[in-house]
Amino acid sequence: SAGTASADVTPRSCYGSAKNFSTTNKVWPAYPNWATTTPNCADVNVKA
């Protein structure tokens, strides 16, 4: 049960923090802005 719970929590936590994005001149975020990685995800995940 602990393995099931942790497997369910991790993806939900990461994708649950997902934001909408849209590129400007093929770049995100728009220059001169930067995004900053968070402890929510171990990777930068994109659903285009």
ModelCIF file with pLDDT and N, C-alpha, C, O atoms, coordinates in Angstrom:
data_MODEL
#
_entry.id   MODEL 
#
_entity.id                         1 
_entity.type                       polymer 
_entity.pdbx_number_of_molecules   1 
#
_entity_poly.entity_id                      1 
_entity_poly.type                           'polypeptide(L)' 
_entity_poly.nstd_linkage                   no 
_entity_poly.nstd_monomer                   no 
_entity_poly.pdbx_seq_one_letter_code       SAGTASADVTPRSCYGSAKNFSTTNKVWPAYPNWATTTPNCADVNVKA 
_entity_poly.pdbx_seq_one_letter_code_can   SAGTASADVTPRSCYGSAKNFSTTNKVWPAYPNWATTTPNCADVNVKA 
_entity_poly.pdbx_strand_id                 A 
#
loop_
_entity_poly_seq.entity_id 
_entity_poly_seq.num 
_entity_poly_seq.mon_id 
_entity_poly_seq.hetero 
1 1  SER n 
1 2  ALA n 
1 3  GLY n 
1 4  THR n 
1 5  ALA n 
1 6  SER n 
1 7  ALA n 
1 8  ASP n 
1 9  VAL n 
1 10 THR n 
1 11 PRO n 
1 12 ARG n 
1 13 SER n 
1 14 CYS n 
1 15 TYR n 
1 16 GLY n 
1 17 SER n 
1 18 ALA n 
1 19 LYS n 
1 20 ASN n 
1 21 PHE n 
1 22 SER n 
1 23 THR n 
1 24 THR n 
1 25 ASN n 
1 26 LYS n 
1 27 VAL n 
1 28 TRP n 
1 29 PRO n 
1 30 ALA n 
1 31 TYR n 
1 32 PRO n 
1 33 ASN n 
1 34 TRP n 
1 35 ALA n 
1 36 THR n 
1 37 THR n 
1 38 THR n 
1 39 PRO n 
1 40 ASN n 
1 41 CYS n 
1 42 ALA n 
1 43 ASP n 
1 44 VAL n 
1 45 ASN n 
1 46 VAL n 
1 47 LYS n 
1 48 ALA n 
#
_struct_asym.id          A 
_struct_asym.entity_id   1 
#
loop_
_ma_qa_metric.id 
_ma_qa_metric.mode 
_ma_qa_metric.name 
_ma_qa_metric.software_group_id 
_ma_qa_metric.type 
1 global pLDDT . pLDDT 
2 local  pLDDT . pLDDT 
#
_ma_qa_metric_global.metric_id      1 
_ma_qa_metric_global.metric_value   82.60 
_ma_qa_metric_global.model_id       1 
_ma_qa_metric_global.ordinal_id     1 
#
loop_
_ma_qa_metric_local.label_asym_id 
_ma_qa_metric_local.label_comp_id 
_ma_qa_metric_local.label_seq_id 
_ma_qa_metric_local.metric_id 
_ma_qa_metric_local.metric_value 
_ma_qa_metric_local.model_id 
_ma_qa_metric_local.ordinal_id 
A SER 1  2 47.00 1 1  
A ALA 2  2 49.00 1 2  
A GLY 3  2 47.00 1 3  
A THR 4  2 47.00 1 4  
A ALA 5  2 48.00 1 5  
A SER 6  2 46.00 1 6  
A ALA 7  2 48.00 1 7  
A ASP 8  2 50.00 1 8  
A VAL 9  2 46.00 1 9  
A THR 10 2 44.00 1 10 
A PRO 11 2 44.00 1 11 
A ARG 12 2 53.00 1 12 
A SER 13 2 76.00 1 13 
A CYS 14 2 92.00 1 14 
A TYR 15 2 93.00 1 15 
A GLY 16 2 92.00 1 16 
A SER 17 2 92.00 1 17 
A ALA 18 2 96.00 1 18 
A LYS 19 2 96.00 1 19 
A ASN 20 2 97.00 1 20 
A PHE 21 2 97.00 1 21 
A SER 22 2 96.00 1 22 
A THR 23 2 94.00 1 23 
A THR 24 2 87.00 1 24 
A ASN 25 2 94.00 1 25 
A LYS 26 2 97.00 1 26 
A VAL 27 2 96.00 1 27 
A TRP 28 2 97.00 1 28 
A PRO 29 2 97.00 1 29 
A ALA 30 2 93.00 1 30 
A TYR 31 2 89.00 1 31 
A PRO 32 2 92.00 1 32 
A ASN 33 2 94.00 1 33 
A TRP 34 2 96.00 1 34 
A ALA 35 2 97.00 1 35 
A THR 36 2 97.00 1 36 
A THR 37 2 96.00 1 37 
A THR 38 2 95.00 1 38 
A PRO 39 2 94.00 1 39 
A ASN 40 2 93.00 1 40 
A CYS 41 2 94.00 1 41 
A ALA 42 2 94.00 1 42 
A ASP 43 2 96.00 1 43 
A VAL 44 2 97.00 1 44 
A ASN 45 2 97.00 1 45 
A VAL 46 2 98.00 1 46 
A LYS 47 2 98.00 1 47 
A ALA 48 2 97.00 1 48 
#
loop_
_atom_site.group_PDB 
_atom_site.id 
_atom_site.type_symbol 
_atom_site.label_atom_id 
_atom_site.label_alt_id 
_atom_site.label_comp_id 
_atom_site.label_asym_id 
_atom_site.label_entity_id 
_atom_site.label_seq_id 
_atom_site.pdbx_PDB_ins_code 
_atom_site.Cartn_x 
_atom_site.Cartn_y 
_atom_site.Cartn_z 
_atom_site.occupancy 
_atom_site.B_iso_or_equiv 
_atom_site.pdbx_formal_charge 
_atom_site.auth_seq_id 
_atom_site.auth_comp_id 
_atom_site.auth_asym_id 
_atom_site.auth_atom_id 
_atom_site.pdbx_PDB_model_num 
ATOM 1   N N  . SER A 1 1  ? 0.827  -1.199 0.000   1.00 47.00 ? 1  SER A N  1 
ATOM 2   C CA . SER A 1 1  ? 0.000  0.000  0.000   1.00 47.00 ? 1  SER A CA 1 
ATOM 3   C C  . SER A 1 1  ? 0.858  1.243  0.000   1.00 47.00 ? 1  SER A C  1 
ATOM 4   O O  . SER A 1 1  ? 0.464  2.242  -0.602  1.00 47.00 ? 1  SER A O  1 
ATOM 5   N N  . ALA A 1 2  ? 2.017  1.232  0.648   1.00 49.00 ? 2  ALA A N  1 
ATOM 6   C CA . ALA A 1 2  ? 2.902  2.399  0.648   1.00 49.00 ? 2  ALA A CA 1 
ATOM 7   C C  . ALA A 1 2  ? 3.445  2.643  -0.755  1.00 49.00 ? 2  ALA A C  1 
ATOM 8   O O  . ALA A 1 2  ? 3.546  3.792  -1.183  1.00 49.00 ? 2  ALA A O  1 
ATOM 9   N N  . GLY A 1 3  ? 3.800  1.568  -1.485  1.00 47.00 ? 3  GLY A N  1 
ATOM 10  C CA . GLY A 1 3  ? 4.306  1.725  -2.841  1.00 47.00 ? 3  GLY A CA 1 
ATOM 11  C C  . GLY A 1 3  ? 3.257  2.317  -3.759  1.00 47.00 ? 3  GLY A C  1 
ATOM 12  O O  . GLY A 1 3  ? 3.572  3.156  -4.604  1.00 47.00 ? 3  GLY A O  1 
ATOM 13  N N  . THR A 1 4  ? 2.027  1.895  -3.605  1.00 47.00 ? 4  THR A N  1 
ATOM 14  C CA . THR A 1 4  ? 0.947  2.420  -4.433  1.00 47.00 ? 4  THR A CA 1 
ATOM 15  C C  . THR A 1 4  ? 0.711  3.883  -4.132  1.00 47.00 ? 4  THR A C  1 
ATOM 16  O O  . THR A 1 4  ? 0.533  4.686  -5.048  1.00 47.00 ? 4  THR A O  1 
ATOM 17  N N  . ALA A 1 5  ? 0.708  4.237  -2.869  1.00 48.00 ? 5  ALA A N  1 
ATOM 18  C CA . ALA A 1 5  ? 0.447  5.624  -2.489  1.00 48.00 ? 5  ALA A CA 1 
ATOM 19  C C  . ALA A 1 5  ? 1.530  6.544  -3.022  1.00 48.00 ? 5  ALA A C  1 
ATOM 20  O O  . ALA A 1 5  ? 1.211  7.603  -3.564  1.00 48.00 ? 5  ALA A O  1 
ATOM 21  N N  . SER A 1 6  ? 2.798  6.180  -2.890  1.00 46.00 ? 6  SER A N  1 
ATOM 22  C CA . SER A 1 6  ? 3.861  7.067  -3.349  1.00 46.00 ? 6  SER A CA 1 
ATOM 23  C C  . SER A 1 6  ? 3.862  7.158  -4.874  1.00 46.00 ? 6  SER A C  1 
ATOM 24  O O  . SER A 1 6  ? 4.167  8.218  -5.420  1.00 46.00 ? 6  SER A O  1 
ATOM 25  N N  . ALA A 1 7  ? 3.530  6.078  -5.570  1.00 48.00 ? 7  ALA A N  1 
ATOM 26  C CA . ALA A 1 7  ? 3.483  6.129  -7.027  1.00 48.00 ? 7  ALA A CA 1 
ATOM 27  C C  . ALA A 1 7  ? 2.371  7.061  -7.489  1.00 48.00 ? 7  ALA A C  1 
ATOM 28  O O  . ALA A 1 7  ? 2.519  7.741  -8.504  1.00 48.00 ? 7  ALA A O  1 
ATOM 29  N N  . ASP A 1 8  ? 1.257  7.104  -6.759  1.00 50.00 ? 8  ASP A N  1 
ATOM 30  C CA . ASP A 1 8  ? 0.156  7.975  -7.131  1.00 50.00 ? 8  ASP A CA 1 
ATOM 31  C C  . ASP A 1 8  ? 0.433  9.432  -6.791  1.00 50.00 ? 8  ASP A C  1 
ATOM 32  O O  . ASP A 1 8  ? -0.006 10.326 -7.514  1.00 50.00 ? 8  ASP A O  1 
ATOM 33  N N  . VAL A 1 9  ? 1.149  9.686  -5.711  1.00 46.00 ? 9  VAL A N  1 
ATOM 34  C CA . VAL A 1 9  ? 1.359  11.053 -5.248  1.00 46.00 ? 9  VAL A CA 1 
ATOM 35  C C  . VAL A 1 9  ? 2.370  11.793 -6.108  1.00 46.00 ? 9  VAL A C  1 
ATOM 36  O O  . VAL A 1 9  ? 2.149  12.962 -6.423  1.00 46.00 ? 9  VAL A O  1 
ATOM 37  N N  . THR A 1 10 ? 3.467  11.165 -6.498  1.00 44.00 ? 10 THR A N  1 
ATOM 38  C CA . THR A 1 10 ? 4.530  11.852 -7.210  1.00 44.00 ? 10 THR A CA 1 
ATOM 39  C C  . THR A 1 10 ? 4.054  12.463 -8.527  1.00 44.00 ? 10 THR A C  1 
ATOM 40  O O  . THR A 1 10 ? 4.229  13.666 -8.717  1.00 44.00 ? 10 THR A O  1 
ATOM 41  N N  . PRO A 1 11 ? 3.458  11.692 -9.451  1.00 44.00 ? 11 PRO A N  1 
ATOM 42  C CA . PRO A 1 11 ? 3.018  12.318 -10.697 1.00 44.00 ? 11 PRO A CA 1 
ATOM 43  C C  . PRO A 1 11 ? 1.948  13.386 -10.477 1.00 44.00 ? 11 PRO A C  1 
ATOM 44  O O  . PRO A 1 11 ? 1.957  14.416 -11.152 1.00 44.00 ? 11 PRO A O  1 
ATOM 45  N N  . ARG A 1 12 ? 1.029  13.155 -9.545  1.00 53.00 ? 12 ARG A N  1 
ATOM 46  C CA . ARG A 1 12 ? -0.028 14.118 -9.289  1.00 53.00 ? 12 ARG A CA 1 
ATOM 47  C C  . ARG A 1 12 ? 0.573  15.424 -8.785  1.00 53.00 ? 12 ARG A C  1 
ATOM 48  O O  . ARG A 1 12 ? 0.133  16.502 -9.185  1.00 53.00 ? 12 ARG A O  1 
ATOM 49  N N  . SER A 1 13 ? 1.562  15.340 -7.921  1.00 76.00 ? 13 SER A N  1 
ATOM 50  C CA . SER A 1 13 ? 2.208  16.516 -7.372  1.00 76.00 ? 13 SER A CA 1 
ATOM 51  C C  . SER A 1 13 ? 2.894  17.309 -8.487  1.00 76.00 ? 13 SER A C  1 
ATOM 52  O O  . SER A 1 13 ? 2.767  18.531 -8.551  1.00 76.00 ? 13 SER A O  1 
ATOM 53  N N  . CYS A 1 14 ? 3.613  16.620 -9.355  1.00 92.00 ? 14 CYS A N  1 
ATOM 54  C CA . CYS A 1 14 ? 4.324  17.286 -10.446 1.00 92.00 ? 14 CYS A CA 1 
ATOM 55  C C  . CYS A 1 14 ? 3.345  17.864 -11.464 1.00 92.00 ? 14 CYS A C  1 
ATOM 56  O O  . CYS A 1 14 ? 3.351  19.070 -11.708 1.00 92.00 ? 14 CYS A O  1 
ATOM 57  N N  . TYR A 1 15 ? 2.508  17.024 -12.056 1.00 93.00 ? 15 TYR A N  1 
ATOM 58  C CA . TYR A 1 15 ? 1.585  17.499 -13.079 1.00 93.00 ? 15 TYR A CA 1 
ATOM 59  C C  . TYR A 1 15 ? 0.485  18.371 -12.492 1.00 93.00 ? 15 TYR A C  1 
ATOM 60  O O  . TYR A 1 15 ? -0.105 19.188 -13.199 1.00 93.00 ? 15 TYR A O  1 
ATOM 61  N N  . GLY A 1 16 ? 0.208  18.204 -11.212 1.00 92.00 ? 16 GLY A N  1 
ATOM 62  C CA . GLY A 1 16 ? -0.773 19.056 -10.546 1.00 92.00 ? 16 GLY A CA 1 
ATOM 63  C C  . GLY A 1 16 ? -0.319 20.500 -10.470 1.00 92.00 ? 16 GLY A C  1 
ATOM 64  O O  . GLY A 1 16 ? -1.143 21.405 -10.334 1.00 92.00 ? 16 GLY A O  1 
ATOM 65  N N  . SER A 1 17 ? 0.987  20.723 -10.555 1.00 92.00 ? 17 SER A N  1 
ATOM 66  C CA . SER A 1 17 ? 1.522  22.089 -10.535 1.00 92.00 ? 17 SER A CA 1 
ATOM 67  C C  . SER A 1 17 ? 1.718  22.645 -11.943 1.00 92.00 ? 17 SER A C  1 
ATOM 68  O O  . SER A 1 17 ? 2.294  23.721 -12.108 1.00 92.00 ? 17 SER A O  1 
ATOM 69  N N  . ALA A 1 18 ? 1.244  21.922 -12.961 1.00 96.00 ? 18 ALA A N  1 
ATOM 70  C CA . ALA A 1 18 ? 1.443  22.341 -14.354 1.00 96.00 ? 18 ALA A CA 1 
ATOM 71  C C  . ALA A 1 18 ? 0.780  23.689 -14.629 1.00 96.00 ? 18 ALA A C  1 
ATOM 72  O O  . ALA A 1 18 ? -0.249 24.035 -14.050 1.00 96.00 ? 18 ALA A O  1 
ATOM 73  N N  . LYS A 1 19 ? 1.410  24.432 -15.533 1.00 96.00 ? 19 LYS A N  1 
ATOM 74  C CA . LYS A 1 19 ? 0.911  25.746 -15.951 1.00 96.00 ? 19 LYS A CA 1 
ATOM 75  C C  . LYS A 1 19 ? 0.676  25.724 -17.451 1.00 96.00 ? 19 LYS A C  1 
ATOM 76  O O  . LYS A 1 19 ? 1.286  24.939 -18.177 1.00 96.00 ? 19 LYS A O  1 
ATOM 77  N N  . ASN A 1 20 ? -0.202 26.583 -17.899 1.00 97.00 ? 20 ASN A N  1 
ATOM 78  C CA . ASN A 1 20 ? -0.380 26.771 -19.340 1.00 97.00 ? 20 ASN A CA 1 
ATOM 79  C C  . ASN A 1 20 ? 0.835  27.526 -19.874 1.00 97.00 ? 20 ASN A C  1 
ATOM 80  O O  . ASN A 1 20 ? 1.403  28.371 -19.183 1.00 97.00 ? 20 ASN A O  1 
ATOM 81  N N  . PHE A 1 21 ? 1.224  27.216 -21.097 1.00 97.00 ? 21 PHE A N  1 
ATOM 82  C CA . PHE A 1 21 ? 2.294  27.978 -21.724 1.00 97.00 ? 21 PHE A CA 1 
ATOM 83  C C  . PHE A 1 21 ? 1.960  28.223 -23.186 1.00 97.00 ? 21 PHE A C  1 
ATOM 84  O O  . PHE A 1 21 ? 1.205  27.471 -23.802 1.00 97.00 ? 21 PHE A O  1 
ATOM 85  N N  . SER A 1 22 ? 2.526  29.271 -23.721 1.00 96.00 ? 22 SER A N  1 
ATOM 86  C CA . SER A 1 22 ? 2.408  29.603 -25.130 1.00 96.00 ? 22 SER A CA 1 
ATOM 87  C C  . SER A 1 22 ? 3.706  30.301 -25.526 1.00 96.00 ? 22 SER A C  1 
ATOM 88  O O  . SER A 1 22 ? 4.174  31.191 -24.817 1.00 96.00 ? 22 SER A O  1 
ATOM 89  N N  . THR A 1 23 ? 4.284  29.905 -26.644 1.00 94.00 ? 23 THR A N  1 
ATOM 90  C CA . THR A 1 23 ? 5.570  30.476 -27.041 1.00 94.00 ? 23 THR A CA 1 
ATOM 91  C C  . THR A 1 23 ? 5.399  31.819 -27.738 1.00 94.00 ? 23 THR A C  1 
ATOM 92  O O  . THR A 1 23 ? 4.376  32.095 -28.366 1.00 94.00 ? 23 THR A O  1 
ATOM 93  N N  . THR A 1 24 ? 6.422  32.634 -27.609 1.00 87.00 ? 24 THR A N  1 
ATOM 94  C CA . THR A 1 24 ? 6.544  33.883 -28.352 1.00 87.00 ? 24 THR A CA 1 
ATOM 95  C C  . THR A 1 24 ? 7.873  33.791 -29.087 1.00 87.00 ? 24 THR A C  1 
ATOM 96  O O  . THR A 1 24 ? 8.914  33.618 -28.452 1.00 87.00 ? 24 THR A O  1 
ATOM 97  N N  . ASN A 1 25 ? 7.861  33.901 -30.389 1.00 94.00 ? 25 ASN A N  1 
ATOM 98  C CA . ASN A 1 25 ? 9.084  33.748 -31.185 1.00 94.00 ? 25 ASN A CA 1 
ATOM 99  C C  . ASN A 1 25 ? 9.796  32.428 -30.887 1.00 94.00 ? 25 ASN A C  1 
ATOM 100 O O  . ASN A 1 25 ? 11.025 32.376 -30.840 1.00 94.00 ? 25 ASN A O  1 
ATOM 101 N N  . LYS A 1 26 ? 9.019  31.367 -30.687 1.00 97.00 ? 26 LYS A N  1 
ATOM 102 C CA . LYS A 1 26 ? 9.511  30.006 -30.473 1.00 97.00 ? 26 LYS A CA 1 
ATOM 103 C C  . LYS A 1 26 ? 10.276 29.833 -29.159 1.00 97.00 ? 26 LYS A C  1 
ATOM 104 O O  . LYS A 1 26 ? 11.036 28.876 -29.014 1.00 97.00 ? 26 LYS A O  1 
ATOM 105 N N  . VAL A 1 27 ? 10.086 30.741 -28.205 1.00 96.00 ? 27 VAL A N  1 
ATOM 106 C CA . VAL A 1 27 ? 10.775 30.653 -26.915 1.00 96.00 ? 27 VAL A CA 1 
ATOM 107 C C  . VAL A 1 27 ? 9.757  30.779 -25.796 1.00 96.00 ? 27 VAL A C  1 
ATOM 108 O O  . VAL A 1 27 ? 8.796  31.542 -25.896 1.00 96.00 ? 27 VAL A O  1 
ATOM 109 N N  . TRP A 1 28 ? 9.983  30.008 -24.708 1.00 97.00 ? 28 TRP A N  1 
ATOM 110 C CA . TRP A 1 28 ? 9.162  30.154 -23.511 1.00 97.00 ? 28 TRP A CA 1 
ATOM 111 C C  . TRP A 1 28 ? 10.075 30.108 -22.304 1.00 97.00 ? 28 TRP A C  1 
ATOM 112 O O  . TRP A 1 28 ? 10.981 29.275 -22.284 1.00 97.00 ? 28 TRP A O  1 
ATOM 113 N N  . PRO A 1 29 ? 9.899  30.947 -21.296 1.00 97.00 ? 29 PRO A N  1 
ATOM 114 C CA . PRO A 1 29 ? 9.048  32.137 -21.329 1.00 97.00 ? 29 PRO A CA 1 
ATOM 115 C C  . PRO A 1 29 ? 9.643  33.199 -22.244 1.00 97.00 ? 29 PRO A C  1 
ATOM 116 O O  . PRO A 1 29 ? 10.807 33.120 -22.636 1.00 97.00 ? 29 PRO A O  1 
ATOM 117 N N  . ALA A 1 30 ? 8.833  34.185 -22.576 1.00 93.00 ? 30 ALA A N  1 
ATOM 118 C CA . ALA A 1 30 ? 9.260  35.223 -23.511 1.00 93.00 ? 30 ALA A CA 1 
ATOM 119 C C  . ALA A 1 30 ? 10.485 35.959 -22.961 1.00 93.00 ? 30 ALA A C  1 
ATOM 120 O O  . ALA A 1 30 ? 10.557 36.269 -21.771 1.00 93.00 ? 30 ALA A O  1 
ATOM 121 N N  . TYR A 1 31 ? 11.441 36.231 -23.845 1.00 89.00 ? 31 TYR A N  1 
ATOM 122 C CA . TYR A 1 31 ? 12.648 36.967 -23.468 1.00 89.00 ? 31 TYR A CA 1 
ATOM 123 C C  . TYR A 1 31 ? 12.246 38.329 -22.913 1.00 89.00 ? 31 TYR A C  1 
ATOM 124 O O  . TYR A 1 31 ? 11.351 38.951 -23.484 1.00 89.00 ? 31 TYR A O  1 
ATOM 125 N N  . PRO A 1 32 ? 12.830 38.815 -21.872 1.00 92.00 ? 32 PRO A N  1 
ATOM 126 C CA . PRO A 1 32 ? 14.027 38.392 -21.143 1.00 92.00 ? 32 PRO A CA 1 
ATOM 127 C C  . PRO A 1 32 ? 13.704 37.587 -19.880 1.00 92.00 ? 32 PRO A C  1 
ATOM 128 O O  . PRO A 1 32 ? 14.540 37.516 -18.979 1.00 92.00 ? 32 PRO A O  1 
ATOM 129 N N  . ASN A 1 33 ? 12.537 36.990 -19.792 1.00 94.00 ? 33 ASN A N  1 
ATOM 130 C CA . ASN A 1 33 ? 12.124 36.248 -18.591 1.00 94.00 ? 33 ASN A CA 1 
ATOM 131 C C  . ASN A 1 33 ? 12.752 34.863 -18.532 1.00 94.00 ? 33 ASN A C  1 
ATOM 132 O O  . ASN A 1 33 ? 13.174 34.306 -19.546 1.00 94.00 ? 33 ASN A O  1 
ATOM 133 N N  . TRP A 1 34 ? 12.801 34.332 -17.337 1.00 96.00 ? 34 TRP A N  1 
ATOM 134 C CA . TRP A 1 34 ? 13.280 32.987 -17.074 1.00 96.00 ? 34 TRP A CA 1 
ATOM 135 C C  . TRP A 1 34 ? 12.235 32.246 -16.258 1.00 96.00 ? 34 TRP A C  1 
ATOM 136 O O  . TRP A 1 34 ? 11.486 32.867 -15.503 1.00 96.00 ? 34 TRP A O  1 
ATOM 137 N N  . ALA A 1 35 ? 12.175 30.939 -16.396 1.00 97.00 ? 35 ALA A N  1 
ATOM 138 C CA . ALA A 1 35 ? 11.412 30.092 -15.480 1.00 97.00 ? 35 ALA A CA 1 
ATOM 139 C C  . ALA A 1 35 ? 12.427 29.555 -14.472 1.00 97.00 ? 35 ALA A C  1 
ATOM 140 O O  . ALA A 1 35 ? 13.623 29.517 -14.761 1.00 97.00 ? 35 ALA A O  1 
ATOM 141 N N  . THR A 1 36 ? 11.962 29.141 -13.295 1.00 97.00 ? 36 THR A N  1 
ATOM 142 C CA . THR A 1 36 ? 12.857 28.609 -12.266 1.00 97.00 ? 36 THR A CA 1 
ATOM 143 C C  . THR A 1 36 ? 12.345 27.248 -11.817 1.00 97.00 ? 36 THR A C  1 
ATOM 144 O O  . THR A 1 36 ? 11.178 27.108 -11.450 1.00 97.00 ? 36 THR A O  1 
ATOM 145 N N  . THR A 1 37 ? 13.214 26.253 -11.846 1.00 96.00 ? 37 THR A N  1 
ATOM 146 C CA . THR A 1 37 ? 12.814 24.905 -11.455 1.00 96.00 ? 37 THR A CA 1 
ATOM 147 C C  . THR A 1 37 ? 12.359 24.873 -9.997  1.00 96.00 ? 37 THR A C  1 
ATOM 148 O O  . THR A 1 37 ? 12.817 25.663 -9.172  1.00 96.00 ? 37 THR A O  1 
ATOM 149 N N  . THR A 1 38 ? 11.457 23.951 -9.700  1.00 95.00 ? 38 THR A N  1 
ATOM 150 C CA . THR A 1 38 ? 10.865 23.826 -8.368  1.00 95.00 ? 38 THR A CA 1 
ATOM 151 C C  . THR A 1 38 ? 11.070 22.405 -7.843  1.00 95.00 ? 38 THR A C  1 
ATOM 152 O O  . THR A 1 38 ? 11.474 21.522 -8.599  1.00 95.00 ? 38 THR A O  1 
ATOM 153 N N  . PRO A 1 39 ? 10.799 22.175 -6.563  1.00 94.00 ? 39 PRO A N  1 
ATOM 154 C CA . PRO A 1 39 ? 10.882 20.811 -6.043  1.00 94.00 ? 39 PRO A CA 1 
ATOM 155 C C  . PRO A 1 39 ? 9.688  19.939 -6.452  1.00 94.00 ? 39 PRO A C  1 
ATOM 156 O O  . PRO A 1 39 ? 9.647  18.759 -6.105  1.00 94.00 ? 39 PRO A O  1 
ATOM 157 N N  . ASN A 1 40 ? 8.722  20.497 -7.180  1.00 93.00 ? 40 ASN A N  1 
ATOM 158 C CA . ASN A 1 40 ? 7.545  19.733 -7.601  1.00 93.00 ? 40 ASN A CA 1 
ATOM 159 C C  . ASN A 1 40 ? 7.881  18.600 -8.558  1.00 93.00 ? 40 ASN A C  1 
ATOM 160 O O  . ASN A 1 40 ? 7.262  17.538 -8.497  1.00 93.00 ? 40 ASN A O  1 
ATOM 161 N N  . CYS A 1 41 ? 8.847  18.808 -9.434  1.00 94.00 ? 41 CYS A N  1 
ATOM 162 C CA . CYS A 1 41 ? 9.186  17.825 -10.470 1.00 94.00 ? 41 CYS A CA 1 
ATOM 163 C C  . CYS A 1 41 ? 10.696 17.641 -10.542 1.00 94.00 ? 41 CYS A C  1 
ATOM 164 O O  . CYS A 1 41 ? 11.454 18.574 -10.275 1.00 94.00 ? 41 CYS A O  1 
ATOM 165 N N  . ALA A 1 42 ? 11.128 16.447 -10.901 1.00 94.00 ? 42 ALA A N  1 
ATOM 166 C CA . ALA A 1 42 ? 12.552 16.184 -11.094 1.00 94.00 ? 42 ALA A CA 1 
ATOM 167 C C  . ALA A 1 42 ? 12.991 16.523 -12.518 1.00 94.00 ? 42 ALA A C  1 
ATOM 168 O O  . ALA A 1 42 ? 14.186 16.578 -12.806 1.00 94.00 ? 42 ALA A O  1 
ATOM 169 N N  . ASP A 1 43 ? 12.025 16.748 -13.404 1.00 96.00 ? 43 ASP A N  1 
ATOM 170 C CA . ASP A 1 43 ? 12.295 17.028 -14.814 1.00 96.00 ? 43 ASP A CA 1 
ATOM 171 C C  . ASP A 1 43 ? 11.514 18.258 -15.241 1.00 96.00 ? 43 ASP A C  1 
ATOM 172 O O  . ASP A 1 43 ? 10.655 18.741 -14.503 1.00 96.00 ? 43 ASP A O  1 
ATOM 173 N N  . VAL A 1 44 ? 11.814 18.767 -16.442 1.00 97.00 ? 44 VAL A N  1 
ATOM 174 C CA . VAL A 1 44 ? 10.973 19.780 -17.069 1.00 97.00 ? 44 VAL A CA 1 
ATOM 175 C C  . VAL A 1 44 ? 10.082 19.014 -18.041 1.00 97.00 ? 44 VAL A C  1 
ATOM 176 O O  . VAL A 1 44 ? 10.559 18.465 -19.034 1.00 97.00 ? 44 VAL A O  1 
ATOM 177 N N  . ASN A 1 45 ? 8.787  18.983 -17.744 1.00 97.00 ? 45 ASN A N  1 
ATOM 178 C CA . ASN A 1 45 ? 7.807  18.200 -18.503 1.00 97.00 ? 45 ASN A CA 1 
ATOM 179 C C  . ASN A 1 45 ? 6.927  19.117 -19.344 1.00 97.00 ? 45 ASN A C  1 
ATOM 180 O O  . ASN A 1 45 ? 6.461  20.152 -18.866 1.00 97.00 ? 45 ASN A O  1 
ATOM 181 N N  . VAL A 1 46 ? 6.703  18.737 -20.589 1.00 98.00 ? 46 VAL A N  1 
ATOM 182 C CA . VAL A 1 46 ? 5.907  19.555 -21.500 1.00 98.00 ? 46 VAL A CA 1 
ATOM 183 C C  . VAL A 1 46 ? 4.859  18.685 -22.180 1.00 98.00 ? 46 VAL A C  1 
ATOM 184 O O  . VAL A 1 46 ? 5.146  17.574 -22.625 1.00 98.00 ? 46 VAL A O  1 
ATOM 185 N N  . LYS A 1 47 ? 3.642  19.208 -22.251 1.00 98.00 ? 47 LYS A N  1 
ATOM 186 C CA . LYS A 1 47 ? 2.553  18.576 -22.992 1.00 98.00 ? 47 LYS A CA 1 
ATOM 187 C C  . LYS A 1 47 ? 2.126  19.583 -24.054 1.00 98.00 ? 47 LYS A C  1 
ATOM 188 O O  . LYS A 1 47 ? 1.297  20.456 -23.798 1.00 98.00 ? 47 LYS A O  1 
ATOM 189 N N  . ALA A 1 48 ? 2.700  19.453 -25.244 1.00 97.00 ? 48 ALA A N  1 
ATOM 190 C CA . ALA A 1 48 ? 2.494  20.427 -26.318 1.00 97.00 ? 48 ALA A CA 1 
ATOM 191 C C  . ALA A 1 48 ? 1.258  20.090 -27.152 1.00 97.00 ? 48 ALA A C  1 
ATOM 192 O O  . ALA A 1 48 ? 0.937  20.808 -28.099 1.00 97.00 ? 48 ALA A O  1 
#
